[in-house]
């Protein structure tokens, strides 16, 4: 009788232990099941909201800059159009003045013998052209008999042989130096004039 009771007690304990193990296994399995903690979900949601907010702010700032640029462009365009009549009038005045200067240059240049005209005149700016024409006028106005060069209106000047020889040497080194008459009037004769003045002093 006592042995039977002991066996019953042992069986009950084993049953209880098995039930407890099953319950414990179920709880452990619940902890090990894949799941995302609530804190991580909240952090991710907050990060997405912050990114969305920053993107919206950036787009708003870009739109504001675009509007400002468009407004400035419109202001500049309006100012440009408003100043157009003044600008066109100034350009017409400058063109008319340049035409007068060119006409005066041509008139003075026509009065200079070809041999005394500055070479490559068209390659110079207009103000330098006027200086070159004035220099040529001065040369023929102060023309003397030094070197055999005659004054303007007295016919074609005679050119000494040593001048021609020097011109040939220079032309061999620099083909674009100009013709013999130009070299005589613009290089050789002025040098002879300076030498003559130095001798007189």
C-alpha atoms as a PDB file:
ATOM      1  CA  UNK A   1       0.000   0.000   0.000  1.00  0.00           C
ATOM      2  CA  UNK A   2       2.790   2.417   0.903  1.00  0.00           C
ATOM      3  CA  UNK A   3       4.782   1.458  -2.201  1.00  0.00           C
ATOM      4  CA  UNK A   4       1.820   2.204  -4.456  1.00  0.00           C
ATOM      5  CA  UNK A   5       1.401   5.648  -2.928  1.00  0.00           C
ATOM      6  CA  UNK A   6       5.095   6.386  -3.469  1.00  0.00           C
ATOM      7  CA  UNK A   7       4.844   5.376  -7.108  1.00  0.00           C
ATOM      8  CA  UNK A   8       1.832   7.627  -7.552  1.00  0.00           C
ATOM      9  CA  UNK A   9       3.720  10.560  -6.036  1.00  0.00           C
ATOM     10  CA  UNK A  10       6.691   9.973  -8.351  1.00  0.00           C
ATOM     11  CA  UNK A  11       4.417   9.858 -11.397  1.00  0.00           C
ATOM     12  CA  UNK A  12       2.703  13.065 -10.386  1.00  0.00           C
ATOM     13  CA  UNK A  13       6.037  14.834  -9.954  1.00  0.00           C
ATOM     14  CA  UNK A  14       7.240  13.645 -13.374  1.00  0.00           C
ATOM     15  CA  UNK A  15       3.997  14.830 -14.951  1.00  0.00           C
ATOM     16  CA  UNK A  16       4.331  18.216 -13.279  1.00  0.00           C
ATOM     17  CA  UNK A  17       7.960  18.471 -14.342  1.00  0.00           C
ATOM     18  CA  UNK A  18       7.052  17.672 -17.937  1.00  0.00           C
ATOM     19  CA  UNK A  19       4.306  20.257 -17.908  1.00  0.00           C
ATOM     20  CA  UNK A  20       6.653  22.850 -16.484  1.00  0.00           C
ATOM     21  CA  UNK A  21       9.303  22.046 -19.089  1.00  0.00           C
ATOM     22  CA  UNK A  22       6.740  22.360 -21.844  1.00  0.00           C
ATOM     23  CA  UNK A  23       5.611  25.692 -20.495  1.00  0.00           C
ATOM     24  CA  UNK A  24       9.188  26.906 -20.145  1.00  0.00           C
ATOM     25  CA  UNK A  25      10.037  25.781 -23.660  1.00  0.00           C
ATOM     26  CA  UNK A  26       7.076  27.662 -24.994  1.00  0.00           C
ATOM     27  CA  UNK A  27       8.201  30.904 -23.279  1.00  0.00           C
ATOM     28  CA  UNK A  28      11.809  30.485 -24.439  1.00  0.00           C
ATOM     29  CA  UNK A  29      10.644  29.836 -27.952  1.00  0.00           C
ATOM     30  CA  UNK A  30       8.593  33.044 -27.770  1.00  0.00           C
ATOM     31  CA  UNK A  31      11.705  35.019 -26.845  1.00  0.00           C
ATOM     32  CA  UNK A  32      13.715  33.507 -29.687  1.00  0.00           C
ATOM     33  CA  UNK A  33      11.071  34.151 -32.414  1.00  0.00           C
ATOM     34  CA  UNK A  34      12.175  36.883 -34.948  1.00  0.00           C
ATOM     35  CA  UNK A  35      10.708  40.297 -34.064  1.00  0.00           C
ATOM     36  CA  UNK A  36      11.749  44.044 -34.272  1.00  0.00           C
ATOM     37  CA  UNK A  37      11.844  45.975 -31.020  1.00  0.00           C
ATOM     38  CA  UNK A  38       9.427  48.871 -30.762  1.00  0.00           C
ATOM     39  CA  UNK A  39      12.275  51.312 -29.984  1.00  0.00           C
ATOM     40  CA  UNK A  40      14.000  50.468 -33.268  1.00  0.00           C
ATOM     41  CA  UNK A  41      10.784  51.004 -35.226  1.00  0.00           C
ATOM     42  CA  UNK A  42      10.268  54.389 -33.594  1.00  0.00           C
ATOM     43  CA  UNK A  43      13.880  55.418 -34.297  1.00  0.00           C
ATOM     44  CA  UNK A  44      13.595  54.463 -37.956  1.00  0.00           C
ATOM     45  CA  UNK A  45      10.308  56.305 -38.316  1.00  0.00           C
ATOM     46  CA  UNK A  46      11.840  59.422 -36.737  1.00  0.00           C
ATOM     47  CA  UNK A  47      14.826  59.260 -39.101  1.00  0.00           C
ATOM     48  CA  UNK A  48      12.535  59.034 -42.144  1.00  0.00           C
ATOM     49  CA  UNK A  49      10.548  62.021 -40.937  1.00  0.00           C
ATOM     50  CA  UNK A  50      13.717  64.071 -40.427  1.00  0.00           C
ATOM     51  CA  UNK A  51      14.946  63.210 -43.925  1.00  0.00           C
ATOM     52  CA  UNK A  52      11.586  64.131 -45.424  1.00  0.00           C
ATOM     53  CA  UNK A  53      11.635  67.448 -43.549  1.00  0.00           C
ATOM     54  CA  UNK A  54      15.153  68.308 -44.730  1.00  0.00           C
ATOM     55  CA  UNK A  55      14.280  67.410 -48.315  1.00  0.00           C
ATOM     56  CA  UNK A  56      11.216  69.634 -48.205  1.00  0.00           C
ATOM     57  CA  UNK A  57      13.283  72.522 -46.796  1.00  0.00           C
ATOM     58  CA  UNK A  58      15.932  72.081 -49.518  1.00  0.00           C
ATOM     59  CA  UNK A  59      13.322  72.045 -52.281  1.00  0.00           C
ATOM     60  CA  UNK A  60      11.685  75.155 -50.846  1.00  0.00           C
ATOM     61  CA  UNK A  61      15.038  76.971 -50.684  1.00  0.00           C
ATOM     62  CA  UNK A  62      15.845  75.996 -54.286  1.00  0.00           C
ATOM     63  CA  UNK A  63      12.464  77.238 -55.445  1.00  0.00           C
ATOM     64  CA  UNK A  64      13.046  80.545 -53.627  1.00  0.00           C
ATOM     65  CA  UNK A  65      16.475  80.967 -55.229  1.00  0.00           C
ATOM     66  CA  UNK A  66      15.023  80.230 -58.649  1.00  0.00           C
ATOM     67  CA  UNK A  67      12.307  82.851 -58.151  1.00  0.00           C
ATOM     68  CA  UNK A  68      14.867  85.412 -56.985  1.00  0.00           C
ATOM     69  CA  UNK A  69      17.122  84.728 -59.976  1.00  0.00           C
ATOM     70  CA  UNK A  70      14.181  85.068 -62.344  1.00  0.00           C
ATOM     71  CA  UNK A  71      13.178  88.368 -60.737  1.00  0.00           C
ATOM     72  CA  UNK A  72      16.721  89.744 -61.032  1.00  0.00           C
ATOM     73  CA  UNK A  73      16.945  88.618 -64.645  1.00  0.00           C
ATOM     74  CA  UNK A  74      13.702  90.410 -65.359  1.00  0.00           C
ATOM     75  CA  UNK A  75      14.998  93.571 -63.688  1.00  0.00           C
ATOM     76  CA  UNK A  76      18.225  93.484 -65.701  1.00  0.00           C
ATOM     77  CA  UNK A  77      16.320  92.876 -68.916  1.00  0.00           C
ATOM     78  CA  UNK A  78      14.013  95.791 -68.174  1.00  0.00           C
ATOM     79  CA  UNK A  79      16.996  98.047 -67.433  1.00  0.00           C
ATOM     80  CA  UNK A  80      18.740  96.892 -70.610  1.00  0.00           C
ATOM     81  CA  UNK A  81      15.685  97.652 -72.708  1.00  0.00           C
ATOM     82  CA  UNK A  82      15.210 101.031 -71.024  1.00  0.00           C
ATOM     83  CA  UNK A  83      18.806 102.028 -71.807  1.00  0.00           C
ATOM     84  CA  UNK A  84      18.661 100.782 -75.403  1.00  0.00           C
ATOM     85  CA  UNK A  85      17.810 104.185 -76.986  1.00  0.00           C
ATOM     86  CA  UNK A  86      20.694 105.881 -75.173  1.00  0.00           C
ATOM     87  CA  UNK A  87      23.072 103.109 -76.129  1.00  0.00           C
ATOM     88  CA  UNK A  88      22.061 103.163 -79.781  1.00  0.00           C
ATOM     89  CA  UNK A  89      22.356 106.951 -79.912  1.00  0.00           C
ATOM     90  CA  UNK A  90      25.872 106.788 -78.447  1.00  0.00           C
ATOM     91  CA  UNK A  91      26.874 104.092 -80.955  1.00  0.00           C
ATOM     92  CA  UNK A  92      25.549 106.173 -83.861  1.00  0.00           C
ATOM     93  CA  UNK A  93      27.403 109.226 -82.608  1.00  0.00           C
ATOM     94  CA  UNK A  94      30.642 107.238 -82.282  1.00  0.00           C
ATOM     95  CA  UNK A  95      30.213 105.812 -85.795  1.00  0.00           C
ATOM     96  CA  UNK A  96      29.611 109.271 -87.249  1.00  0.00           C
ATOM     97  CA  UNK A  97      32.674 110.659 -85.479  1.00  0.00           C
ATOM     98  CA  UNK A  98      34.813 107.772 -86.712  1.00  0.00           C
ATOM     99  CA  UNK A  99      33.605 108.381 -90.269  1.00  0.00           C
ATOM    100  CA  UNK A 100      34.698 112.024 -90.004  1.00  0.00           C
ATOM    101  CA  UNK A 101      38.112 111.016 -88.702  1.00  0.00           C
ATOM    102  CA  UNK A 102      38.565 108.453 -91.487  1.00  0.00           C
ATOM    103  CA  UNK A 103      37.588 111.034 -94.112  1.00  0.00           C
ATOM    104  CA  UNK A 104      40.108 113.513 -92.695  1.00  0.00           C
ATOM    105  CA  UNK A 105      42.797 110.808 -92.637  1.00  0.00           C
ATOM    106  CA  UNK A 106      42.125 109.930 -96.278  1.00  0.00           C
ATOM    107  CA  UNK A 107      42.220 113.586 -97.303  1.00  0.00           C
ATOM    108  CA  UNK A 108      45.589 114.122 -95.652  1.00  0.00           C
ATOM    109  CA  UNK A 109      46.917 110.810 -96.938  1.00  0.00           C
ATOM    110  CA  UNK A 110      46.021 111.692-100.535  1.00  0.00           C
ATOM    111  CA  UNK A 111      48.225 114.784-100.240  1.00  0.00           C
ATOM    112  CA  UNK A 112      51.266 112.682 -99.298  1.00  0.00           C
ATOM    113  CA  UNK A 113      53.333 111.196-102.135  1.00  0.00           C
ATOM    114  CA  UNK A 114      53.161 107.431-102.255  1.00  0.00           C
ATOM    115  CA  UNK A 115      56.838 107.070-101.474  1.00  0.00           C
ATOM    116  CA  UNK A 116      56.347 108.952 -98.201  1.00  0.00           C
ATOM    117  CA  UNK A 117      53.190 107.176 -97.025  1.00  0.00           C
ATOM    118  CA  UNK A 118      53.491 104.978 -93.949  1.00  0.00           C
ATOM    119  CA  UNK A 119      53.379 101.240 -94.805  1.00  0.00           C
ATOM    120  CA  UNK A 120      50.805  98.854 -93.343  1.00  0.00           C
ATOM    121  CA  UNK A 121      48.617 101.772 -92.342  1.00  0.00           C
ATOM    122  CA  UNK A 122      45.420  99.704 -92.371  1.00  0.00           C
ATOM    123  CA  UNK A 123      46.884  97.308 -89.807  1.00  0.00           C
ATOM    124  CA  UNK A 124      47.130 100.094 -87.205  1.00  0.00           C
ATOM    125  CA  UNK A 125      44.381 101.400 -84.914  1.00  0.00           C
ATOM    126  CA  UNK A 126      42.795 104.618 -86.126  1.00  0.00           C
ATOM    127  CA  UNK A 127      44.589 106.828 -83.605  1.00  0.00           C
ATOM    128  CA  UNK A 128      47.951 105.309 -84.601  1.00  0.00           C
ATOM    129  CA  UNK A 129      47.090 105.853 -88.253  1.00  0.00           C
ATOM    130  CA  UNK A 130      46.638 109.559 -87.576  1.00  0.00           C
ATOM    131  CA  UNK A 131      49.985 109.650 -85.795  1.00  0.00           C
ATOM    132  CA  UNK A 132      51.669 107.937 -88.746  1.00  0.00           C
ATOM    133  CA  UNK A 133      50.101 110.378 -91.220  1.00  0.00           C
ATOM    134  CA  UNK A 134      51.198 113.332 -89.096  1.00  0.00           C
ATOM    135  CA  UNK A 135      54.722 111.934 -88.962  1.00  0.00           C
ATOM    136  CA  UNK A 136      54.817 111.568 -92.749  1.00  0.00           C
ATOM    137  CA  UNK A 137      53.524 115.111 -93.185  1.00  0.00           C
ATOM    138  CA  UNK A 138      56.252 116.389 -90.897  1.00  0.00           C
ATOM    139  CA  UNK A 139      58.911 114.511 -92.828  1.00  0.00           C
ATOM    140  CA  UNK A 140      57.977 115.967 -96.192  1.00  0.00           C
ATOM    141  CA  UNK A 141      57.368 119.434 -94.713  1.00  0.00           C
ATOM    142  CA  UNK A 142      60.919 119.589 -93.370  1.00  0.00           C
ATOM    143  CA  UNK A 143      62.438 117.964 -96.438  1.00  0.00           C
ATOM    144  CA  UNK A 144      65.926 119.130 -97.343  1.00  0.00           C
ATOM    145  CA  UNK A 145      68.462 118.383-100.008  1.00  0.00           C
ATOM    146  CA  UNK A 146      70.303 115.937 -97.726  1.00  0.00           C
ATOM    147  CA  UNK A 147      70.568 112.580 -99.464  1.00  0.00           C
ATOM    148  CA  UNK A 148      69.176 113.911-102.709  1.00  0.00           C
ATOM    149  CA  UNK A 149      65.551 113.890-101.549  1.00  0.00           C
ATOM    150  CA  UNK A 150      63.468 116.683-103.035  1.00  0.00           C
ATOM    151  CA  UNK A 151      60.598 118.534-101.425  1.00  0.00           C
ATOM    152  CA  UNK A 152      56.994 117.565-102.112  1.00  0.00           C
ATOM    153  CA  UNK A 153      55.818 118.595-105.529  1.00  0.00           C
ATOM    154  CA  UNK A 154      59.313 118.601-107.061  1.00  0.00           C
ATOM    155  CA  UNK A 155      58.986 115.173-108.669  1.00  0.00           C
ATOM    156  CA  UNK A 156      60.286 111.760-107.823  1.00  0.00           C
ATOM    157  CA  UNK A 157      63.300 111.933-105.490  1.00  0.00           C
ATOM    158  CA  UNK A 158      66.656 110.567-106.489  1.00  0.00           C
ATOM    159  CA  UNK A 159      67.871 107.725-104.283  1.00  0.00           C
ATOM    160  CA  UNK A 160      71.604 107.350-103.545  1.00  0.00           C
ATOM    161  CA  UNK A 161      73.263 104.067-104.359  1.00  0.00           C
ATOM    162  CA  UNK A 162      74.309 103.407-100.747  1.00  0.00           C
ATOM    163  CA  UNK A 163      70.688 103.774 -99.666  1.00  0.00           C
ATOM    164  CA  UNK A 164      69.571 101.274-102.272  1.00  0.00           C
ATOM    165  CA  UNK A 165      72.313  98.844-101.212  1.00  0.00           C
ATOM    166  CA  UNK A 166      71.255  99.099 -97.579  1.00  0.00           C
ATOM    167  CA  UNK A 167      67.614  98.581 -98.522  1.00  0.00           C
ATOM    168  CA  UNK A 168      68.508  95.418-100.433  1.00  0.00           C
ATOM    169  CA  UNK A 169      70.320  94.028 -97.385  1.00  0.00           C
ATOM    170  CA  UNK A 170      67.395  94.828 -95.112  1.00  0.00           C
ATOM    171  CA  UNK A 171      64.873  93.443 -97.601  1.00  0.00           C
ATOM    172  CA  UNK A 172      66.805  90.168 -97.777  1.00  0.00           C
ATOM    173  CA  UNK A 173      66.484  89.777 -94.018  1.00  0.00           C
ATOM    174  CA  UNK A 174      62.939  91.134 -93.780  1.00  0.00           C
ATOM    175  CA  UNK A 175      60.884  90.857 -97.016  1.00  0.00           C
ATOM    176  CA  UNK A 176      58.041  92.912 -95.519  1.00  0.00           C
ATOM    177  CA  UNK A 177      60.148  96.001 -94.929  1.00  0.00           C
ATOM    178  CA  UNK A 178      58.548  97.967 -97.749  1.00  0.00           C
ATOM    179  CA  UNK A 179      59.674  99.274-101.122  1.00  0.00           C
ATOM    180  CA  UNK A 180      62.834 101.243-101.825  1.00  0.00           C
ATOM    181  CA  UNK A 181      61.108 104.632-101.919  1.00  0.00           C
ATOM    182  CA  UNK A 182      59.515 104.062 -98.537  1.00  0.00           C
ATOM    183  CA  UNK A 183      62.835 102.919 -97.033  1.00  0.00           C
ATOM    184  CA  UNK A 184      64.560 105.981 -98.422  1.00  0.00           C
ATOM    185  CA  UNK A 185      61.927 108.426 -97.171  1.00  0.00           C
ATOM    186  CA  UNK A 186      61.171 106.807 -93.816  1.00  0.00           C
ATOM    187  CA  UNK A 187      64.485 105.275 -92.694  1.00  0.00           C
ATOM    188  CA  UNK A 188      67.518 106.378 -94.648  1.00  0.00           C
ATOM    189  CA  UNK A 189      66.721 110.076 -95.120  1.00  0.00           C
ATOM    190  CA  UNK A 190      65.654 110.774 -91.493  1.00  0.00           C
ATOM    191  CA  UNK A 191      68.876 109.153 -90.331  1.00  0.00           C
ATOM    192  CA  UNK A 192      70.888 111.361 -92.709  1.00  0.00           C
ATOM    193  CA  UNK A 193      68.984 114.413 -91.471  1.00  0.00           C
ATOM    194  CA  UNK A 194      69.827 113.630 -87.858  1.00  0.00           C
ATOM    195  CA  UNK A 195      73.466 113.100 -88.729  1.00  0.00           C
ATOM    196  CA  UNK A 196      73.549 116.453 -90.551  1.00  0.00           C
ATOM    197  CA  UNK A 197      72.015 118.263 -87.580  1.00  0.00           C
ATOM    198  CA  UNK A 198      74.515 116.673 -85.219  1.00  0.00           C
ATOM    199  CA  UNK A 199      77.368 117.918 -87.367  1.00  0.00           C
ATOM    200  CA  UNK A 200      75.988 121.450 -87.222  1.00  0.00           C
ATOM    201  CA  UNK A 201      75.857 121.465 -83.406  1.00  0.00           C
END
